Amino acid sequence: MADREGRVVRIVELQIDPRYLDAYRQALAEEIDASLALEPGVLSLQAVFLTESPAEVRLLEIYASEAAYQSHLQTPHFLKYKAETAHMVIGLRLLPATPIRLQVDRAKP
């Protein structure tokens, strides 16, 4: 679902097997770096571990459009991330979000 400007905003809730936290953190960081560097339609990817429950990860994803989001899902770096982390992720929820106010860096490299 797109917002008024056509952007796709999603919150992702992940539960990671605690045995793989460091490996997951590295794989996610590499995927985010590649997405932001290579995909103009990826406006923002923010990731955090919950302080009191480090096996729980939350992402805030902002894409320029539904087409940009669908394209992202087919990129080699995203497919690599999914393959490398499939055994690490024990729970996943994708939540469409409607922004109240988003500040996106328009000077993205």
N, C-alpha and C. Protein backbone atom coordinates (compact mmCIF):
# COMPACT_ATOMS: atom_id res chain seq x y z
N MET A 1 0.84 -1.17 0.00
CA MET A 1 0.00 0.00 0.00
C MET A 1 0.89 1.24 0.00
N ALA A 2 0.64 2.16 -0.89
CA ALA A 2 1.46 3.36 -1.03
C ALA A 2 0.83 4.53 -0.28
N ASP A 3 1.68 5.45 0.16
CA ASP A 3 1.18 6.66 0.80
C ASP A 3 0.77 7.67 -0.28
N ARG A 4 0.41 8.87 0.14
CA ARG A 4 -0.06 9.89 -0.82
C ARG A 4 0.98 10.25 -1.87
N GLU A 5 2.25 10.09 -1.54
CA GLU A 5 3.33 10.40 -2.48
C GLU A 5 3.76 9.17 -3.29
N GLY A 6 3.06 8.06 -3.10
CA GLY A 6 3.38 6.84 -3.83
C GLY A 6 4.42 5.96 -3.15
N ARG A 7 4.94 6.41 -2.02
CA ARG A 7 5.97 5.63 -1.31
C ARG A 7 5.35 4.41 -0.64
N VAL A 8 6.14 3.38 -0.52
CA VAL A 8 5.76 2.19 0.23
C VAL A 8 6.54 2.23 1.53
N VAL A 9 5.80 2.18 2.64
CA VAL A 9 6.42 2.21 3.97
C VAL A 9 6.03 0.93 4.69
N ARG A 10 7.02 0.29 5.27
CA ARG A 10 6.77 -0.99 5.93
C ARG A 10 7.62 -1.08 7.19
N ILE A 11 7.01 -1.66 8.21
CA ILE A 11 7.75 -2.05 9.41
C ILE A 11 7.89 -3.56 9.37
N VAL A 12 9.09 -4.03 9.62
CA VAL A 12 9.36 -5.46 9.62
C VAL A 12 9.75 -5.85 11.04
N GLU A 13 9.08 -6.85 11.56
CA GLU A 13 9.40 -7.40 12.87
C GLU A 13 10.02 -8.77 12.67
N LEU A 14 11.23 -8.94 13.17
CA LEU A 14 11.96 -10.20 13.00
C LEU A 14 12.34 -10.76 14.36
N GLN A 15 12.28 -12.06 14.48
CA GLN A 15 12.80 -12.78 15.64
C GLN A 15 13.97 -13.61 15.13
N ILE A 16 15.14 -13.40 15.71
CA ILE A 16 16.36 -14.06 15.25
C ILE A 16 16.76 -15.12 16.27
N ASP A 17 17.19 -16.27 15.78
CA ASP A 17 17.72 -17.31 16.66
C ASP A 17 18.93 -16.71 17.37
N PRO A 18 18.93 -16.67 18.71
CA PRO A 18 20.02 -16.02 19.45
C PRO A 18 21.41 -16.55 19.11
N ARG A 19 21.51 -17.76 18.65
CA ARG A 19 22.83 -18.31 18.29
C ARG A 19 23.45 -17.60 17.11
N TYR A 20 22.65 -16.87 16.33
CA TYR A 20 23.13 -16.28 15.09
C TYR A 20 23.10 -14.75 15.09
N LEU A 21 23.02 -14.12 16.25
CA LEU A 21 22.86 -12.66 16.27
C LEU A 21 23.97 -11.92 15.55
N ASP A 22 25.21 -12.29 15.81
CA ASP A 22 26.33 -11.58 15.15
C ASP A 22 26.33 -11.80 13.65
N ALA A 23 26.11 -13.03 13.22
CA ALA A 23 26.08 -13.33 11.78
C ALA A 23 24.90 -12.62 11.12
N TYR A 24 23.76 -12.60 11.80
CA TYR A 24 22.60 -11.92 11.23
C TYR A 24 22.87 -10.42 11.12
N ARG A 25 23.41 -9.83 12.14
CA ARG A 25 23.72 -8.40 12.13
C ARG A 25 24.62 -8.06 10.94
N GLN A 26 25.63 -8.87 10.70
CA GLN A 26 26.55 -8.62 9.58
C GLN A 26 25.83 -8.76 8.23
N ALA A 27 25.04 -9.80 8.07
CA ALA A 27 24.34 -10.01 6.80
C ALA A 27 23.35 -8.88 6.53
N LEU A 28 22.64 -8.45 7.55
CA LEU A 28 21.67 -7.37 7.38
C LEU A 28 22.37 -6.06 7.04
N ALA A 29 23.46 -5.77 7.72
CA ALA A 29 24.20 -4.53 7.44
C ALA A 29 24.70 -4.52 6.00
N GLU A 30 25.20 -5.64 5.51
CA GLU A 30 25.68 -5.72 4.13
C GLU A 30 24.52 -5.51 3.14
N GLU A 31 23.37 -6.10 3.44
CA GLU A 31 22.22 -5.96 2.55
C GLU A 31 21.72 -4.52 2.52
N ILE A 32 21.66 -3.88 3.68
CA ILE A 32 21.21 -2.49 3.73
C ILE A 32 22.19 -1.59 2.98
N ASP A 33 23.48 -1.77 3.20
CA ASP A 33 24.49 -0.96 2.51
C ASP A 33 24.36 -1.10 1.00
N ALA A 34 24.22 -2.33 0.51
CA ALA A 34 24.10 -2.56 -0.93
C ALA A 34 22.81 -1.95 -1.47
N SER A 35 21.72 -2.11 -0.75
CA SER A 35 20.43 -1.57 -1.21
C SER A 35 20.48 -0.07 -1.36
N LEU A 36 21.03 0.60 -0.36
CA LEU A 36 21.09 2.06 -0.39
C LEU A 36 22.07 2.56 -1.46
N ALA A 37 23.14 1.82 -1.68
CA ALA A 37 24.14 2.24 -2.66
C ALA A 37 23.69 1.98 -4.10
N LEU A 38 22.95 0.91 -4.32
CA LEU A 38 22.66 0.46 -5.68
C LEU A 38 21.25 0.71 -6.17
N GLU A 39 20.33 1.01 -5.27
CA GLU A 39 18.92 1.11 -5.66
C GLU A 39 18.37 2.50 -5.37
N PRO A 40 18.19 3.32 -6.39
CA PRO A 40 17.65 4.66 -6.16
C PRO A 40 16.23 4.65 -5.57
N GLY A 41 15.49 3.57 -5.78
CA GLY A 41 14.13 3.48 -5.26
C GLY A 41 14.04 3.11 -3.79
N VAL A 42 15.18 2.74 -3.20
CA VAL A 42 15.21 2.47 -1.76
C VAL A 42 15.57 3.80 -1.09
N LEU A 43 14.58 4.42 -0.47
CA LEU A 43 14.79 5.74 0.12
C LEU A 43 15.40 5.67 1.51
N SER A 44 15.02 4.66 2.27
CA SER A 44 15.54 4.54 3.63
C SER A 44 15.35 3.12 4.13
N LEU A 45 16.36 2.60 4.80
CA LEU A 45 16.28 1.33 5.51
C LEU A 45 16.93 1.56 6.87
N GLN A 46 16.14 1.42 7.91
CA GLN A 46 16.63 1.62 9.28
C GLN A 46 16.43 0.31 10.03
N ALA A 47 17.44 -0.12 10.79
CA ALA A 47 17.36 -1.39 11.51
C ALA A 47 17.85 -1.21 12.94
N VAL A 48 17.12 -1.81 13.87
CA VAL A 48 17.51 -1.78 15.29
C VAL A 48 17.22 -3.13 15.93
N PHE A 49 18.04 -3.48 16.93
CA PHE A 49 17.74 -4.57 17.84
C PHE A 49 17.04 -3.94 19.04
N LEU A 50 16.07 -4.62 19.61
CA LEU A 50 15.44 -4.13 20.82
C LEU A 50 16.41 -4.30 21.98
N THR A 51 16.61 -3.25 22.74
CA THR A 51 17.61 -3.25 23.81
C THR A 51 17.38 -4.38 24.81
N GLU A 52 16.16 -4.57 25.22
CA GLU A 52 15.88 -5.57 26.25
C GLU A 52 15.63 -6.96 25.66
N SER A 53 15.63 -7.06 24.35
CA SER A 53 15.42 -8.35 23.69
C SER A 53 16.19 -8.35 22.38
N PRO A 54 17.52 -8.52 22.45
CA PRO A 54 18.35 -8.35 21.25
C PRO A 54 18.10 -9.36 20.13
N ALA A 55 17.33 -10.39 20.40
CA ALA A 55 16.99 -11.32 19.32
C ALA A 55 15.81 -10.80 18.50
N GLU A 56 15.25 -9.66 18.90
CA GLU A 56 14.16 -9.04 18.14
C GLU A 56 14.69 -7.84 17.38
N VAL A 57 14.42 -7.83 16.08
CA VAL A 57 14.90 -6.79 15.18
C VAL A 57 13.69 -6.09 14.60
N ARG A 58 13.81 -4.77 14.45
CA ARG A 58 12.77 -3.99 13.79
C ARG A 58 13.41 -3.20 12.66
N LEU A 59 12.75 -3.21 11.51
CA LEU A 59 13.20 -2.44 10.36
C LEU A 59 12.12 -1.45 9.99
N LEU A 60 12.53 -0.28 9.58
CA LEU A 60 11.63 0.69 8.95
C LEU A 60 12.15 0.84 7.53
N GLU A 61 11.31 0.47 6.57
CA GLU A 61 11.70 0.50 5.16
C GLU A 61 10.84 1.52 4.43
N ILE A 62 11.49 2.32 3.58
CA ILE A 62 10.76 3.28 2.77
C ILE A 62 11.26 3.16 1.33
N TYR A 63 10.32 2.87 0.43
CA TYR A 63 10.61 2.72 -0.99
C TYR A 63 9.89 3.82 -1.76
N ALA A 64 10.45 4.23 -2.86
CA ALA A 64 9.86 5.30 -3.66
C ALA A 64 8.51 4.92 -4.24
N SER A 65 8.29 3.62 -4.47
CA SER A 65 7.04 3.17 -5.10
C SER A 65 6.91 1.67 -4.90
N GLU A 66 5.75 1.16 -5.25
CA GLU A 66 5.54 -0.30 -5.21
C GLU A 66 6.49 -0.99 -6.19
N ALA A 67 6.71 -0.38 -7.34
CA ALA A 67 7.64 -0.95 -8.32
C ALA A 67 9.06 -1.02 -7.76
N ALA A 68 9.47 0.00 -7.04
CA ALA A 68 10.81 0.01 -6.42
C ALA A 68 10.92 -1.10 -5.38
N TYR A 69 9.86 -1.29 -4.61
CA TYR A 69 9.85 -2.36 -3.61
C TYR A 69 9.93 -3.73 -4.29
N GLN A 70 9.12 -3.94 -5.31
CA GLN A 70 9.13 -5.22 -6.01
C GLN A 70 10.49 -5.48 -6.68
N SER A 71 11.09 -4.44 -7.22
CA SER A 71 12.42 -4.56 -7.82
C SER A 71 13.46 -4.95 -6.76
N HIS A 72 13.36 -4.32 -5.60
CA HIS A 72 14.28 -4.62 -4.48
C HIS A 72 14.27 -6.10 -4.14
N LEU A 73 13.09 -6.70 -4.13
CA LEU A 73 12.95 -8.11 -3.76
C LEU A 73 13.64 -9.05 -4.74
N GLN A 74 13.98 -8.57 -5.93
CA GLN A 74 14.60 -9.41 -6.95
C GLN A 74 16.11 -9.15 -7.11
N THR A 75 16.67 -8.22 -6.34
CA THR A 75 18.08 -7.89 -6.51
C THR A 75 18.98 -9.01 -5.99
N PRO A 76 20.15 -9.16 -6.57
CA PRO A 76 21.07 -10.20 -6.10
C PRO A 76 21.44 -10.05 -4.62
N HIS A 77 21.64 -8.80 -4.16
CA HIS A 77 22.04 -8.64 -2.75
C HIS A 77 20.90 -9.00 -1.80
N PHE A 78 19.65 -8.72 -2.15
CA PHE A 78 18.53 -9.10 -1.28
C PHE A 78 18.35 -10.62 -1.29
N LEU A 79 18.43 -11.24 -2.46
CA LEU A 79 18.28 -12.69 -2.55
C LEU A 79 19.40 -13.40 -1.79
N LYS A 80 20.60 -12.86 -1.84
CA LYS A 80 21.73 -13.42 -1.08
C LYS A 80 21.45 -13.32 0.42
N TYR A 81 20.99 -12.15 0.87
CA TYR A 81 20.65 -11.96 2.28
C TYR A 81 19.59 -12.97 2.72
N LYS A 82 18.52 -13.13 1.92
CA LYS A 82 17.45 -14.07 2.28
C LYS A 82 17.99 -15.49 2.38
N ALA A 83 18.83 -15.88 1.44
CA ALA A 83 19.37 -17.24 1.45
C ALA A 83 20.30 -17.46 2.65
N GLU A 84 21.15 -16.47 2.93
CA GLU A 84 22.11 -16.60 4.03
C GLU A 84 21.45 -16.58 5.40
N THR A 85 20.32 -15.91 5.53
CA THR A 85 19.72 -15.74 6.85
C THR A 85 18.48 -16.60 7.08
N ALA A 86 18.07 -17.39 6.10
CA ALA A 86 16.83 -18.17 6.23
C ALA A 86 16.83 -19.02 7.50
N HIS A 87 17.94 -19.64 7.83
CA HIS A 87 18.00 -20.50 9.02
C HIS A 87 18.14 -19.69 10.31
N MET A 88 18.41 -18.40 10.22
CA MET A 88 18.58 -17.55 11.40
C MET A 88 17.27 -16.92 11.86
N VAL A 89 16.36 -16.72 10.93
CA VAL A 89 15.10 -16.03 11.22
C VAL A 89 14.07 -17.05 11.66
N ILE A 90 13.56 -16.86 12.89
CA ILE A 90 12.55 -17.80 13.41
C ILE A 90 11.17 -17.16 13.47
N GLY A 91 11.09 -15.88 13.16
CA GLY A 91 9.80 -15.21 13.10
C GLY A 91 9.90 -13.96 12.23
N LEU A 92 8.84 -13.69 11.46
CA LEU A 92 8.85 -12.55 10.54
C LEU A 92 7.42 -12.04 10.37
N ARG A 93 7.26 -10.73 10.55
CA ARG A 93 5.99 -10.07 10.26
C ARG A 93 6.27 -8.83 9.43
N LEU A 94 5.54 -8.68 8.33
CA LEU A 94 5.64 -7.50 7.48
C LEU A 94 4.39 -6.66 7.72
N LEU A 95 4.57 -5.43 8.17
CA LEU A 95 3.46 -4.57 8.53
C LEU A 95 3.43 -3.33 7.65
N PRO A 96 2.46 -3.22 6.76
CA PRO A 96 2.33 -1.97 6.00
C PRO A 96 2.09 -0.83 6.98
N ALA A 97 2.66 0.32 6.70
CA ALA A 97 2.52 1.47 7.60
C ALA A 97 2.11 2.70 6.80
N THR A 98 1.33 3.53 7.45
CA THR A 98 0.93 4.81 6.86
C THR A 98 1.67 5.90 7.61
N PRO A 99 2.51 6.63 6.93
CA PRO A 99 3.30 7.64 7.62
C PRO A 99 2.47 8.83 8.10
N ILE A 100 2.86 9.34 9.24
CA ILE A 100 2.33 10.61 9.74
C ILE A 100 3.22 11.71 9.21
N ARG A 101 4.51 11.54 9.40
CA ARG A 101 5.51 12.47 8.86
C ARG A 101 6.80 11.71 8.70
N LEU A 102 7.37 11.73 7.51
CA LEU A 102 8.64 11.09 7.23
C LEU A 102 9.59 12.11 6.65
N GLN A 103 10.79 12.12 7.15
CA GLN A 103 11.82 12.96 6.59
C GLN A 103 12.81 12.05 5.89
N VAL A 104 12.84 12.08 4.58
CA VAL A 104 13.73 11.23 3.79
C VAL A 104 14.83 12.10 3.22
N ASP A 105 16.07 11.63 3.33
CA ASP A 105 17.21 12.36 2.81
C ASP A 105 17.19 12.34 1.29
N ARG A 106 16.91 13.46 0.68
CA ARG A 106 16.82 13.52 -0.78
C ARG A 106 18.21 13.62 -1.43
N ALA A 107 19.23 13.85 -0.65
CA ALA A 107 20.59 13.96 -1.20
C ALA A 107 21.30 12.63 -1.11
N LYS A 108 20.55 11.55 -1.17
CA LYS A 108 21.12 10.22 -1.09
C LYS A 108 22.12 9.99 -2.23
N PRO A 109 23.26 9.38 -1.90
CA PRO A 109 24.25 9.12 -2.96
C PRO A 109 23.74 8.19 -4.03
